[in-house]
Amino acid sequence: MDKIAHFFQQALEAGAIPADTQLNSAYAMGSTPQEQDELAALVLAGKKNGHQQRL
């Protein structure tokens, strides 16, 4: 089991996410493919992390 699947399984077992949640093979941030690629590059470079901000 890879690290992501292991982390996901632990979250399921801890009840941190609903039991019927499925692990998808990919997630994307951004509204266009170009923006998604740019944001992914920033995450991989360590310049950005996933977070949510209230409006």
C-alpha atoms as a PDB file:
ATOM      1  CA  MET A   1       0.000   0.000   0.000  1.00  0.00           C
ATOM      2  CA  ASP A   2       1.469   3.365  -0.950  1.00  0.00           C
ATOM      3  CA  LYS A   3       1.755   6.254   1.502  1.00  0.00           C
ATOM      4  CA  ILE A   4      -1.325   8.079   0.230  1.00  0.00           C
ATOM      5  CA  ALA A   5      -3.530   4.985   0.394  1.00  0.00           C
ATOM      6  CA  HIS A   6      -2.201   4.222   3.879  1.00  0.00           C
ATOM      7  CA  PHE A   7      -2.909   7.774   5.088  1.00  0.00           C
ATOM      8  CA  PHE A   8      -6.379   7.614   3.550  1.00  0.00           C
ATOM      9  CA  GLN A   9      -7.100   4.270   5.223  1.00  0.00           C
ATOM     10  CA  GLN A  10      -5.995   5.661   8.589  1.00  0.00           C
ATOM     11  CA  ALA A  11      -8.308   8.656   8.141  1.00  0.00           C
ATOM     12  CA  LEU A  12     -11.216   6.334   7.349  1.00  0.00           C
ATOM     13  CA  GLU A  13     -10.497   4.147  10.376  1.00  0.00           C
ATOM     14  CA  ALA A  14     -10.236   7.186  12.657  1.00  0.00           C
ATOM     15  CA  GLY A  15     -13.593   8.469  11.456  1.00  0.00           C
ATOM     16  CA  ALA A  16     -11.982  11.676  10.176  1.00  0.00           C
ATOM     17  CA  ILE A  17     -13.793  11.296   6.852  1.00  0.00           C
ATOM     18  CA  PRO A  18     -17.126   9.624   6.029  1.00  0.00           C
ATOM     19  CA  ALA A  19     -16.862   5.831   5.679  1.00  0.00           C
ATOM     20  CA  ASP A  20     -18.246   5.870   2.135  1.00  0.00           C
ATOM     21  CA  THR A  21     -15.594   8.304   0.843  1.00  0.00           C
ATOM     22  CA  GLN A  22     -13.614   6.882  -2.088  1.00  0.00           C
ATOM     23  CA  LEU A  23      -9.957   7.538  -2.727  1.00  0.00           C
ATOM     24  CA  ASN A  24      -9.701   8.977  -6.217  1.00  0.00           C
ATOM     25  CA  SER A  25      -6.504   8.737  -8.198  1.00  0.00           C
ATOM     26  CA  ALA A  26      -6.152  12.500  -8.671  1.00  0.00           C
ATOM     27  CA  TYR A  27      -7.375  15.779  -7.266  1.00  0.00           C
ATOM     28  CA  ALA A  28      -6.912  19.189  -8.772  1.00  0.00           C
ATOM     29  CA  MET A  29      -7.050  22.774  -7.569  1.00  0.00           C
ATOM     30  CA  GLY A  30      -7.856  25.540 -10.010  1.00  0.00           C
ATOM     31  CA  SER A  31     -10.538  26.264 -12.538  1.00  0.00           C
ATOM     32  CA  THR A  32      -8.630  25.551 -15.753  1.00  0.00           C
ATOM     33  CA  PRO A  33      -6.114  22.855 -16.715  1.00  0.00           C
ATOM     34  CA  GLN A  34      -3.402  25.521 -17.001  1.00  0.00           C
ATOM     35  CA  GLU A  35      -4.165  26.895 -13.539  1.00  0.00           C
ATOM     36  CA  GLN A  36      -4.226  23.347 -12.144  1.00  0.00           C
ATOM     37  CA  ASP A  37      -0.770  22.667 -13.586  1.00  0.00           C
ATOM     38  CA  GLU A  38       0.605  25.957 -12.229  1.00  0.00           C
ATOM     39  CA  LEU A  39      -0.772  25.308  -8.746  1.00  0.00           C
ATOM     40  CA  ALA A  40       0.516  21.721  -8.749  1.00  0.00           C
ATOM     41  CA  ALA A  41       3.976  22.976  -9.704  1.00  0.00           C
ATOM     42  CA  LEU A  42       3.921  25.419  -6.772  1.00  0.00           C
ATOM     43  CA  VAL A  43       2.916  22.644  -4.372  1.00  0.00           C
ATOM     44  CA  LEU A  44       5.642  20.322  -5.669  1.00  0.00           C
ATOM     45  CA  ALA A  45       8.194  23.139  -5.331  1.00  0.00           C
ATOM     46  CA  GLY A  46       7.158  23.652  -1.699  1.00  0.00           C
ATOM     47  CA  LYS A  47       5.946  27.198  -2.337  1.00  0.00           C
ATOM     48  CA  LYS A  48       2.246  26.482  -1.760  1.00  0.00           C
ATOM     49  CA  ASN A  49       0.220  24.126   0.367  1.00  0.00           C
ATOM     50  CA  GLY A  50      -3.422  23.188   0.373  1.00  0.00           C
ATOM     51  CA  HIS A  51      -5.528  25.429   2.561  1.00  0.00           C
ATOM     52  CA  GLN A  52      -8.927  26.993   2.624  1.00  0.00           C
ATOM     53  CA  GLN A  53      -9.705  30.603   3.340  1.00  0.00           C
ATOM     54  CA  ARG A  54     -13.069  31.998   4.382  1.00  0.00           C
ATOM     55  CA  LEU A  55     -14.459  34.806   2.302  1.00  0.00           C
END
